């Protein structure tokens, strides 16, 4: 099948998208439901049109294990930014062997990365918050956007207590930043302790970097181990001061969500429309 005919076929697939009223009702009705109950409901409703997005941290691994027990062929997808630590590739292989499911891997657009690094260098993220967000957008946000074009709903490992920007997330929401598909966060009301308790109970594979003191894991240059007592996300972009610990996937740059938060914290450090970050020297 040609690319054109495949695209035409995709356009004619009937979408099962929530409207605001239904999403609001479901968010209230299912707020006290267990993660397993949420997963069972959404996997039954959307089947192969729902995907579980994970970077193989503790939350994503807990959800993967739960979903696999409900639907062994659950669709799981991730993004390879091109800057991941070797340990992330190791956990991907462990997951493939343990659960016997393929992992759908999405990559950044090569031309975008070539242009970005040619203009601003390979380590532009150290130069300013805006430059870091520009890099995150190219390496993470855009691949996720492409991945979600094939779904009616996606499952995330977000928790309300992870960061201020996540405090008000609902277990069922409409993701207006990605075409209006449903965004499912079964662990919204769980704590970090709840997640680890589940993973230990069911012997869920753990990302190797946890044993090296990492408490939140992203790209290799942008993640470090944390000291005892530090916030779990303190190891993400640790050189930044008073900046949001977000990459833009859950607070998208392209719709202004991330820029709005960034401007509130650091006035004047936003992004220029259609160009690279302001204040980045070549």
C-alpha atoms as a PDB file:
ATOM      1  CA  UNK A   1       0.000   0.000   0.000  1.00  0.00           C
ATOM      2  CA  UNK A   2       1.375   3.395  -0.959  1.00  0.00           C
ATOM      3  CA  UNK A   3       1.889   6.162   1.581  1.00  0.00           C
ATOM      4  CA  UNK A   4      -0.933   8.149  -0.034  1.00  0.00           C
ATOM      5  CA  UNK A   5      -3.451   5.302   0.096  1.00  0.00           C
ATOM      6  CA  UNK A   6      -2.410   4.425   3.648  1.00  0.00           C
ATOM      7  CA  UNK A   7      -3.028   8.017   4.710  1.00  0.00           C
ATOM      8  CA  UNK A   8      -6.406   7.972   2.982  1.00  0.00           C
ATOM      9  CA  UNK A   9      -7.332   4.780   4.792  1.00  0.00           C
ATOM     10  CA  UNK A  10      -6.316   6.301   8.115  1.00  0.00           C
ATOM     11  CA  UNK A  11      -8.504   9.362   7.494  1.00  0.00           C
ATOM     12  CA  UNK A  12     -11.526   7.110   6.976  1.00  0.00           C
ATOM     13  CA  UNK A  13     -11.067   5.212  10.238  1.00  0.00           C
ATOM     14  CA  UNK A  14     -13.865   6.241  12.539  1.00  0.00           C
ATOM     15  CA  UNK A  15     -12.365   8.010  15.530  1.00  0.00           C
ATOM     16  CA  UNK A  16     -13.601   7.408  19.070  1.00  0.00           C
ATOM     17  CA  UNK A  17     -12.876  10.739  20.723  1.00  0.00           C
ATOM     18  CA  UNK A  18     -14.364  12.051  23.958  1.00  0.00           C
ATOM     19  CA  UNK A  19     -16.279  15.304  24.057  1.00  0.00           C
ATOM     20  CA  UNK A  20     -15.915  17.715  26.963  1.00  0.00           C
ATOM     21  CA  UNK A  21     -19.090  16.554  28.697  1.00  0.00           C
ATOM     22  CA  UNK A  22     -18.214  12.863  28.558  1.00  0.00           C
ATOM     23  CA  UNK A  23     -14.613  13.494  29.601  1.00  0.00           C
ATOM     24  CA  UNK A  24     -15.774  15.541  32.584  1.00  0.00           C
ATOM     25  CA  UNK A  25     -18.221  12.867  33.661  1.00  0.00           C
ATOM     26  CA  UNK A  26     -15.667  10.096  33.329  1.00  0.00           C
ATOM     27  CA  UNK A  27     -13.048  12.082  35.239  1.00  0.00           C
ATOM     28  CA  UNK A  28     -15.425  12.330  38.191  1.00  0.00           C
ATOM     29  CA  UNK A  29     -16.785   8.792  37.967  1.00  0.00           C
ATOM     30  CA  UNK A  30     -13.370   7.147  37.652  1.00  0.00           C
ATOM     31  CA  UNK A  31     -11.332   9.341  39.994  1.00  0.00           C
ATOM     32  CA  UNK A  32     -11.525   6.782  42.806  1.00  0.00           C
ATOM     33  CA  UNK A  33     -10.972   3.830  40.479  1.00  0.00           C
ATOM     34  CA  UNK A  34      -7.767   1.805  40.803  1.00  0.00           C
ATOM     35  CA  UNK A  35      -5.097   2.037  38.081  1.00  0.00           C
ATOM     36  CA  UNK A  36      -5.979  -1.498  37.015  1.00  0.00           C
ATOM     37  CA  UNK A  37      -9.641  -0.528  36.757  1.00  0.00           C
ATOM     38  CA  UNK A  38      -8.802   2.519  34.644  1.00  0.00           C
ATOM     39  CA  UNK A  39      -6.597   0.428  32.364  1.00  0.00           C
ATOM     40  CA  UNK A  40      -9.183  -2.306  31.969  1.00  0.00           C
ATOM     41  CA  UNK A  41     -11.803   0.287  31.042  1.00  0.00           C
ATOM     42  CA  UNK A  42      -9.679   2.114  28.457  1.00  0.00           C
ATOM     43  CA  UNK A  43      -8.201  -1.042  26.915  1.00  0.00           C
ATOM     44  CA  UNK A  44     -11.692  -2.464  26.492  1.00  0.00           C
ATOM     45  CA  UNK A  45     -12.966   0.775  24.967  1.00  0.00           C
ATOM     46  CA  UNK A  46     -10.132   1.567  22.571  1.00  0.00           C
ATOM     47  CA  UNK A  47      -8.265  -1.727  22.056  1.00  0.00           C
ATOM     48  CA  UNK A  48      -5.450  -1.171  19.573  1.00  0.00           C
ATOM     49  CA  UNK A  49      -6.322   2.527  19.295  1.00  0.00           C
ATOM     50  CA  UNK A  50      -4.865   3.236  22.736  1.00  0.00           C
ATOM     51  CA  UNK A  51      -1.128   3.197  23.400  1.00  0.00           C
ATOM     52  CA  UNK A  52       0.953   3.236  26.550  1.00  0.00           C
ATOM     53  CA  UNK A  53       3.725   5.826  26.410  1.00  0.00           C
ATOM     54  CA  UNK A  54       6.726   5.083  28.594  1.00  0.00           C
ATOM     55  CA  UNK A  55      10.343   6.044  29.136  1.00  0.00           C
ATOM     56  CA  UNK A  56      10.692   2.878  31.284  1.00  0.00           C
ATOM     57  CA  UNK A  57      10.851   4.665  34.613  1.00  0.00           C
ATOM     58  CA  UNK A  58       9.090   3.184  37.638  1.00  0.00           C
ATOM     59  CA  UNK A  59       5.638   4.614  36.826  1.00  0.00           C
ATOM     60  CA  UNK A  60       5.694   3.527  33.202  1.00  0.00           C
ATOM     61  CA  UNK A  61       6.926   0.072  34.134  1.00  0.00           C
ATOM     62  CA  UNK A  62       4.143  -0.355  36.709  1.00  0.00           C
ATOM     63  CA  UNK A  63       1.539   0.585  34.104  1.00  0.00           C
ATOM     64  CA  UNK A  64       3.134  -1.645  31.478  1.00  0.00           C
ATOM     65  CA  UNK A  65       2.988  -4.607  33.861  1.00  0.00           C
ATOM     66  CA  UNK A  66      -0.641  -3.878  34.788  1.00  0.00           C
ATOM     67  CA  UNK A  67      -1.722  -3.395  31.176  1.00  0.00           C
ATOM     68  CA  UNK A  68       0.088  -6.531  30.024  1.00  0.00           C
ATOM     69  CA  UNK A  69      -1.779  -8.588  32.616  1.00  0.00           C
ATOM     70  CA  UNK A  70      -5.053  -7.267  31.173  1.00  0.00           C
ATOM     71  CA  UNK A  71      -4.131  -7.272  27.469  1.00  0.00           C
ATOM     72  CA  UNK A  72      -0.879  -9.138  26.681  1.00  0.00           C
ATOM     73  CA  UNK A  73      -0.603  -7.456  23.276  1.00  0.00           C
ATOM     74  CA  UNK A  74      -1.053  -3.923  24.603  1.00  0.00           C
ATOM     75  CA  UNK A  75       0.611  -1.332  22.374  1.00  0.00           C
ATOM     76  CA  UNK A  76       3.641   0.268  24.031  1.00  0.00           C
ATOM     77  CA  UNK A  77       5.576   3.150  22.496  1.00  0.00           C
ATOM     78  CA  UNK A  78       8.540   5.299  23.423  1.00  0.00           C
ATOM     79  CA  UNK A  79      10.833   7.967  21.990  1.00  0.00           C
ATOM     80  CA  UNK A  80      14.529   7.494  21.309  1.00  0.00           C
ATOM     81  CA  UNK A  81      15.831  11.061  21.474  1.00  0.00           C
ATOM     82  CA  UNK A  82      19.292  10.106  20.241  1.00  0.00           C
ATOM     83  CA  UNK A  83      20.781  11.121  23.600  1.00  0.00           C
ATOM     84  CA  UNK A  84      19.524   8.315  25.838  1.00  0.00           C
ATOM     85  CA  UNK A  85      21.803   6.573  28.335  1.00  0.00           C
ATOM     86  CA  UNK A  86      22.864   3.016  27.502  1.00  0.00           C
ATOM     87  CA  UNK A  87      20.903   1.775  30.526  1.00  0.00           C
ATOM     88  CA  UNK A  88      17.636   2.809  28.846  1.00  0.00           C
ATOM     89  CA  UNK A  89      18.388   0.534  25.890  1.00  0.00           C
ATOM     90  CA  UNK A  90      19.121  -2.242  28.363  1.00  0.00           C
ATOM     91  CA  UNK A  91      15.705  -1.910  30.029  1.00  0.00           C
ATOM     92  CA  UNK A  92      14.016  -1.882  26.615  1.00  0.00           C
ATOM     93  CA  UNK A  93      15.631  -5.232  25.839  1.00  0.00           C
ATOM     94  CA  UNK A  94      14.636  -6.546  29.267  1.00  0.00           C
ATOM     95  CA  UNK A  95      11.012  -5.534  28.644  1.00  0.00           C
ATOM     96  CA  UNK A  96      10.964  -7.179  25.216  1.00  0.00           C
ATOM     97  CA  UNK A  97      12.233 -10.442  26.690  1.00  0.00           C
ATOM     98  CA  UNK A  98      10.149 -10.387  29.864  1.00  0.00           C
ATOM     99  CA  UNK A  99       6.781  -9.447  28.362  1.00  0.00           C
ATOM    100  CA  UNK A 100       7.150 -10.663  24.795  1.00  0.00           C
ATOM    101  CA  UNK A 101       5.751  -7.479  23.277  1.00  0.00           C
ATOM    102  CA  UNK A 102       7.235  -5.235  20.589  1.00  0.00           C
ATOM    103  CA  UNK A 103       8.155  -1.703  21.577  1.00  0.00           C
ATOM    104  CA  UNK A 104       7.166   0.958  19.038  1.00  0.00           C
ATOM    105  CA  UNK A 105      10.107   3.357  18.958  1.00  0.00           C
ATOM    106  CA  UNK A 106       9.812   6.849  17.467  1.00  0.00           C
ATOM    107  CA  UNK A 107      12.793   8.982  16.529  1.00  0.00           C
ATOM    108  CA  UNK A 108      13.271  12.733  15.988  1.00  0.00           C
ATOM    109  CA  UNK A 109      13.219  14.063  12.445  1.00  0.00           C
ATOM    110  CA  UNK A 110      16.827  13.797  11.289  1.00  0.00           C
ATOM    111  CA  UNK A 111      16.721  17.047   9.315  1.00  0.00           C
ATOM    112  CA  UNK A 112      15.414  18.969  12.335  1.00  0.00           C
ATOM    113  CA  UNK A 113      18.269  17.672  14.504  1.00  0.00           C
ATOM    114  CA  UNK A 114      20.864  18.403  11.810  1.00  0.00           C
ATOM    115  CA  UNK A 115      19.678  21.980  11.426  1.00  0.00           C
ATOM    116  CA  UNK A 116      19.440  22.545  15.182  1.00  0.00           C
ATOM    117  CA  UNK A 117      22.914  21.232  15.971  1.00  0.00           C
ATOM    118  CA  UNK A 118      24.499  22.995  12.990  1.00  0.00           C
ATOM    119  CA  UNK A 119      23.112  26.321  14.176  1.00  0.00           C
ATOM    120  CA  UNK A 120      23.350  26.008  17.949  1.00  0.00           C
ATOM    121  CA  UNK A 121      25.725  23.106  18.625  1.00  0.00           C
ATOM    122  CA  UNK A 122      25.110  19.640  20.065  1.00  0.00           C
ATOM    123  CA  UNK A 123      24.887  20.850  23.675  1.00  0.00           C
ATOM    124  CA  UNK A 124      22.686  23.904  23.230  1.00  0.00           C
ATOM    125  CA  UNK A 125      20.555  22.878  26.216  1.00  0.00           C
ATOM    126  CA  UNK A 126      23.234  24.148  28.635  1.00  0.00           C
ATOM    127  CA  UNK A 127      23.104  27.696  27.201  1.00  0.00           C
ATOM    128  CA  UNK A 128      19.638  28.782  28.351  1.00  0.00           C
ATOM    129  CA  UNK A 129      16.265  27.425  29.421  1.00  0.00           C
ATOM    130  CA  UNK A 130      14.820  28.459  26.071  1.00  0.00           C
ATOM    131  CA  UNK A 131      17.555  26.554  24.233  1.00  0.00           C
ATOM    132  CA  UNK A 132      16.906  23.471  26.320  1.00  0.00           C
ATOM    133  CA  UNK A 133      13.187  23.627  25.528  1.00  0.00           C
ATOM    134  CA  UNK A 134      14.012  23.975  21.845  1.00  0.00           C
ATOM    135  CA  UNK A 135      16.077  20.795  22.029  1.00  0.00           C
ATOM    136  CA  UNK A 136      13.357  18.964  23.974  1.00  0.00           C
ATOM    137  CA  UNK A 137      10.813  20.035  21.404  1.00  0.00           C
ATOM    138  CA  UNK A 138      12.845  18.612  18.527  1.00  0.00           C
ATOM    139  CA  UNK A 139      13.920  15.420  20.273  1.00  0.00           C
ATOM    140  CA  UNK A 140      10.826  14.560  22.332  1.00  0.00           C
ATOM    141  CA  UNK A 141       7.729  16.593  21.600  1.00  0.00           C
ATOM    142  CA  UNK A 142       7.687  16.233  17.824  1.00  0.00           C
ATOM    143  CA  UNK A 143       8.213  12.434  17.822  1.00  0.00           C
ATOM    144  CA  UNK A 144       5.425  12.048  20.388  1.00  0.00           C
ATOM    145  CA  UNK A 145       3.150  14.178  18.242  1.00  0.00           C
ATOM    146  CA  UNK A 146       3.758  11.877  15.271  1.00  0.00           C
ATOM    147  CA  UNK A 147       3.251   8.764  17.382  1.00  0.00           C
ATOM    148  CA  UNK A 148      -0.101   9.974  18.688  1.00  0.00           C
ATOM    149  CA  UNK A 149      -1.504  10.516  15.195  1.00  0.00           C
ATOM    150  CA  UNK A 150      -2.318   6.799  15.147  1.00  0.00           C
ATOM    151  CA  UNK A 151      -4.226   6.686  18.443  1.00  0.00           C
ATOM    152  CA  UNK A 152      -7.564   7.747  19.902  1.00  0.00           C
ATOM    153  CA  UNK A 153      -6.185   7.651  23.460  1.00  0.00           C
ATOM    154  CA  UNK A 154      -2.851   7.390  25.211  1.00  0.00           C
ATOM    155  CA  UNK A 155      -1.795   6.249  28.670  1.00  0.00           C
ATOM    156  CA  UNK A 156       0.792   8.155  30.708  1.00  0.00           C
ATOM    157  CA  UNK A 157       2.506   7.623  34.054  1.00  0.00           C
ATOM    158  CA  UNK A 158       1.874  11.146  35.363  1.00  0.00           C
ATOM    159  CA  UNK A 159       1.317  11.618  39.087  1.00  0.00           C
ATOM    160  CA  UNK A 160      -0.086  14.730  40.756  1.00  0.00           C
ATOM    161  CA  UNK A 161       2.710  14.952  43.308  1.00  0.00           C
ATOM    162  CA  UNK A 162       5.568  14.872  40.783  1.00  0.00           C
ATOM    163  CA  UNK A 163       5.714  18.597  40.016  1.00  0.00           C
ATOM    164  CA  UNK A 164       3.568  21.723  40.387  1.00  0.00           C
ATOM    165  CA  UNK A 165       2.521  21.670  36.726  1.00  0.00           C
ATOM    166  CA  UNK A 166       1.020  18.197  37.264  1.00  0.00           C
ATOM    167  CA  UNK A 167      -0.887  18.862  40.483  1.00  0.00           C
ATOM    168  CA  UNK A 168      -4.300  19.177  38.838  1.00  0.00           C
ATOM    169  CA  UNK A 169      -4.185  16.390  36.270  1.00  0.00           C
ATOM    170  CA  UNK A 170      -7.237  14.161  35.983  1.00  0.00           C
ATOM    171  CA  UNK A 171      -7.229  10.456  35.309  1.00  0.00           C
ATOM    172  CA  UNK A 172      -9.293  11.092  32.185  1.00  0.00           C
ATOM    173  CA  UNK A 173      -8.711  14.247  30.125  1.00  0.00           C
ATOM    174  CA  UNK A 174      -8.986  15.487  26.578  1.00  0.00           C
ATOM    175  CA  UNK A 175      -5.573  16.189  25.087  1.00  0.00           C
ATOM    176  CA  UNK A 176      -6.317  19.244  22.976  1.00  0.00           C
ATOM    177  CA  UNK A 177      -2.626  19.640  22.182  1.00  0.00           C
ATOM    178  CA  UNK A 178      -2.617  16.344  20.277  1.00  0.00           C
ATOM    179  CA  UNK A 179      -5.786  16.398  18.238  1.00  0.00           C
ATOM    180  CA  UNK A 180      -8.346  15.910  21.001  1.00  0.00           C
ATOM    181  CA  UNK A 181      -7.567  12.302  21.841  1.00  0.00           C
ATOM    182  CA  UNK A 182      -8.092  11.030  25.379  1.00  0.00           C
ATOM    183  CA  UNK A 183      -5.201  11.265  27.823  1.00  0.00           C
ATOM    184  CA  UNK A 184      -5.327   8.622  30.541  1.00  0.00           C
ATOM    185  CA  UNK A 185      -3.287   8.958  33.764  1.00  0.00           C
ATOM    186  CA  UNK A 186      -4.184   5.929  35.925  1.00  0.00           C
ATOM    187  CA  UNK A 187      -1.514   6.735  38.553  1.00  0.00           C
ATOM    188  CA  UNK A 188      -2.593  10.344  39.078  1.00  0.00           C
ATOM    189  CA  UNK A 189      -3.419   9.844  42.764  1.00  0.00           C
ATOM    190  CA  UNK A 190      -0.603   7.409  43.537  1.00  0.00           C
ATOM    191  CA  UNK A 191       2.535   8.342  45.440  1.00  0.00           C
ATOM    192  CA  UNK A 192       6.072   7.323  44.618  1.00  0.00           C
ATOM    193  CA  UNK A 193       5.839   4.801  47.450  1.00  0.00           C
ATOM    194  CA  UNK A 194       2.710   3.265  45.911  1.00  0.00           C
ATOM    195  CA  UNK A 195       4.524   2.777  42.621  1.00  0.00           C
ATOM    196  CA  UNK A 196       7.549   1.088  44.145  1.00  0.00           C
ATOM    197  CA  UNK A 197       5.380  -1.087  46.359  1.00  0.00           C
ATOM    198  CA  UNK A 198       3.564  -2.397  43.287  1.00  0.00           C
ATOM    199  CA  UNK A 199       6.798  -2.972  41.362  1.00  0.00           C
ATOM    200  CA  UNK A 200       8.376  -4.876  44.221  1.00  0.00           C
ATOM    201  CA  UNK A 201       5.247  -6.996  44.736  1.00  0.00           C
ATOM    202  CA  UNK A 202       5.145  -8.093  41.095  1.00  0.00           C
ATOM    203  CA  UNK A 203       8.913  -8.150  40.506  1.00  0.00           C
ATOM    204  CA  UNK A 204       8.631  -5.539  37.764  1.00  0.00           C
ATOM    205  CA  UNK A 205      11.961  -4.853  36.007  1.00  0.00           C
ATOM    206  CA  UNK A 206      13.603  -1.612  37.124  1.00  0.00           C
ATOM    207  CA  UNK A 207      15.649   0.825  35.080  1.00  0.00           C
ATOM    208  CA  UNK A 208      19.330   0.141  35.936  1.00  0.00           C
ATOM    209  CA  UNK A 209      20.012   3.802  36.731  1.00  0.00           C
ATOM    210  CA  UNK A 210      17.841   3.628  39.847  1.00  0.00           C
ATOM    211  CA  UNK A 211      20.607   1.556  41.435  1.00  0.00           C
ATOM    212  CA  UNK A 212      23.032   4.380  40.678  1.00  0.00           C
ATOM    213  CA  UNK A 213      21.080   7.031  42.584  1.00  0.00           C
ATOM    214  CA  UNK A 214      18.894   8.366  39.782  1.00  0.00           C
ATOM    215  CA  UNK A 215      15.318   9.226  40.746  1.00  0.00           C
ATOM    216  CA  UNK A 216      14.096  10.687  37.434  1.00  0.00           C
ATOM    217  CA  UNK A 217      15.573   9.590  34.121  1.00  0.00           C
ATOM    218  CA  UNK A 218      15.718  11.334  30.769  1.00  0.00           C
ATOM    219  CA  UNK A 219      18.469  12.082  28.264  1.00  0.00           C
ATOM    220  CA  UNK A 220      22.013  11.302  29.410  1.00  0.00           C
ATOM    221  CA  UNK A 221      23.369  14.887  29.342  1.00  0.00           C
ATOM    222  CA  UNK A 222      20.311  16.258  31.140  1.00  0.00           C
ATOM    223  CA  UNK A 223      19.973  13.783  34.005  1.00  0.00           C
ATOM    224  CA  UNK A 224      22.069  13.155  37.080  1.00  0.00           C
ATOM    225  CA  UNK A 225      21.785  11.168  40.288  1.00  0.00           C
ATOM    226  CA  UNK A 226      20.138  12.921  43.231  1.00  0.00           C
ATOM    227  CA  UNK A 227      21.364  13.222  46.789  1.00  0.00           C
ATOM    228  CA  UNK A 228      19.340  11.912  49.751  1.00  0.00           C
ATOM    229  CA  UNK A 229      16.576  14.389  50.576  1.00  0.00           C
ATOM    230  CA  UNK A 230      16.596  16.095  47.187  1.00  0.00           C
ATOM    231  CA  UNK A 231      13.380  16.399  45.203  1.00  0.00           C
ATOM    232  CA  UNK A 232      13.073  13.339  42.926  1.00  0.00           C
ATOM    233  CA  UNK A 233      13.149  15.590  39.833  1.00  0.00           C
ATOM    234  CA  UNK A 234      16.096  17.657  41.049  1.00  0.00           C
ATOM    235  CA  UNK A 235      18.381  15.646  38.784  1.00  0.00           C
ATOM    236  CA  UNK A 236      16.620  16.865  35.647  1.00  0.00           C
ATOM    237  CA  UNK A 237      18.241  19.965  34.060  1.00  0.00           C
ATOM    238  CA  UNK A 238      19.892  20.629  37.430  1.00  0.00           C
ATOM    239  CA  UNK A 239      21.882  23.638  36.168  1.00  0.00           C
ATOM    240  CA  UNK A 240      18.673  25.638  35.612  1.00  0.00           C
ATOM    241  CA  UNK A 241      17.331  27.922  38.325  1.00  0.00           C
ATOM    242  CA  UNK A 242      13.587  28.208  39.033  1.00  0.00           C
ATOM    243  CA  UNK A 243      12.706  26.667  35.653  1.00  0.00           C
ATOM    244  CA  UNK A 244       9.929  24.145  35.004  1.00  0.00           C
ATOM    245  CA  UNK A 245      11.010  20.512  35.239  1.00  0.00           C
ATOM    246  CA  UNK A 246       9.131  19.721  32.035  1.00  0.00           C
ATOM    247  CA  UNK A 247      10.255  18.902  28.510  1.00  0.00           C
ATOM    248  CA  UNK A 248       7.079  20.031  26.753  1.00  0.00           C
ATOM    249  CA  UNK A 249       5.354  16.685  26.159  1.00  0.00           C
ATOM    250  CA  UNK A 250       2.797  17.315  28.899  1.00  0.00           C
ATOM    251  CA  UNK A 251       2.923  21.119  28.694  1.00  0.00           C
ATOM    252  CA  UNK A 252       3.397  21.609  24.963  1.00  0.00           C
ATOM    253  CA  UNK A 253       5.552  24.333  23.494  1.00  0.00           C
ATOM    254  CA  UNK A 254       3.769  24.479  20.161  1.00  0.00           C
ATOM    255  CA  UNK A 255       0.475  25.602  21.714  1.00  0.00           C
ATOM    256  CA  UNK A 256       2.087  28.057  24.116  1.00  0.00           C
ATOM    257  CA  UNK A 257       1.532  26.014  27.282  1.00  0.00           C
ATOM    258  CA  UNK A 258       5.212  25.646  28.107  1.00  0.00           C
ATOM    259  CA  UNK A 259       6.057  29.174  26.980  1.00  0.00           C
ATOM    260  CA  UNK A 260       3.354  30.577  29.254  1.00  0.00           C
ATOM    261  CA  UNK A 261       4.766  28.732  32.250  1.00  0.00           C
ATOM    262  CA  UNK A 262       8.318  29.657  31.338  1.00  0.00           C
ATOM    263  CA  UNK A 263       7.532  33.336  30.926  1.00  0.00           C
ATOM    264  CA  UNK A 264       5.841  33.362  34.323  1.00  0.00           C
ATOM    265  CA  UNK A 265       8.999  32.014  35.918  1.00  0.00           C
ATOM    266  CA  UNK A 266      11.643  33.701  33.796  1.00  0.00           C
ATOM    267  CA  UNK A 267      10.237  36.765  31.988  1.00  0.00           C
ATOM    268  CA  UNK A 268      11.829  37.390  28.620  1.00  0.00           C
ATOM    269  CA  UNK A 269      13.248  33.912  28.106  1.00  0.00           C
ATOM    270  CA  UNK A 270      10.595  32.541  25.746  1.00  0.00           C
ATOM    271  CA  UNK A 271      10.878  31.151  22.255  1.00  0.00           C
ATOM    272  CA  UNK A 272      10.622  33.020  18.993  1.00  0.00           C
ATOM    273  CA  UNK A 273       7.878  31.743  16.753  1.00  0.00           C
ATOM    274  CA  UNK A 274       9.139  29.483  13.992  1.00  0.00           C
ATOM    275  CA  UNK A 275      12.798  29.919  14.922  1.00  0.00           C
ATOM    276  CA  UNK A 276      15.295  28.806  17.481  1.00  0.00           C
ATOM    277  CA  UNK A 277      15.406  30.007  21.086  1.00  0.00           C
ATOM    278  CA  UNK A 278      16.084  33.631  21.839  1.00  0.00           C
ATOM    279  CA  UNK A 279      19.370  34.353  23.508  1.00  0.00           C
ATOM    280  CA  UNK A 280      21.258  31.366  22.066  1.00  0.00           C
ATOM    281  CA  UNK A 281      24.626  32.358  20.694  1.00  0.00           C
ATOM    282  CA  UNK A 282      26.148  30.305  17.918  1.00  0.00           C
END
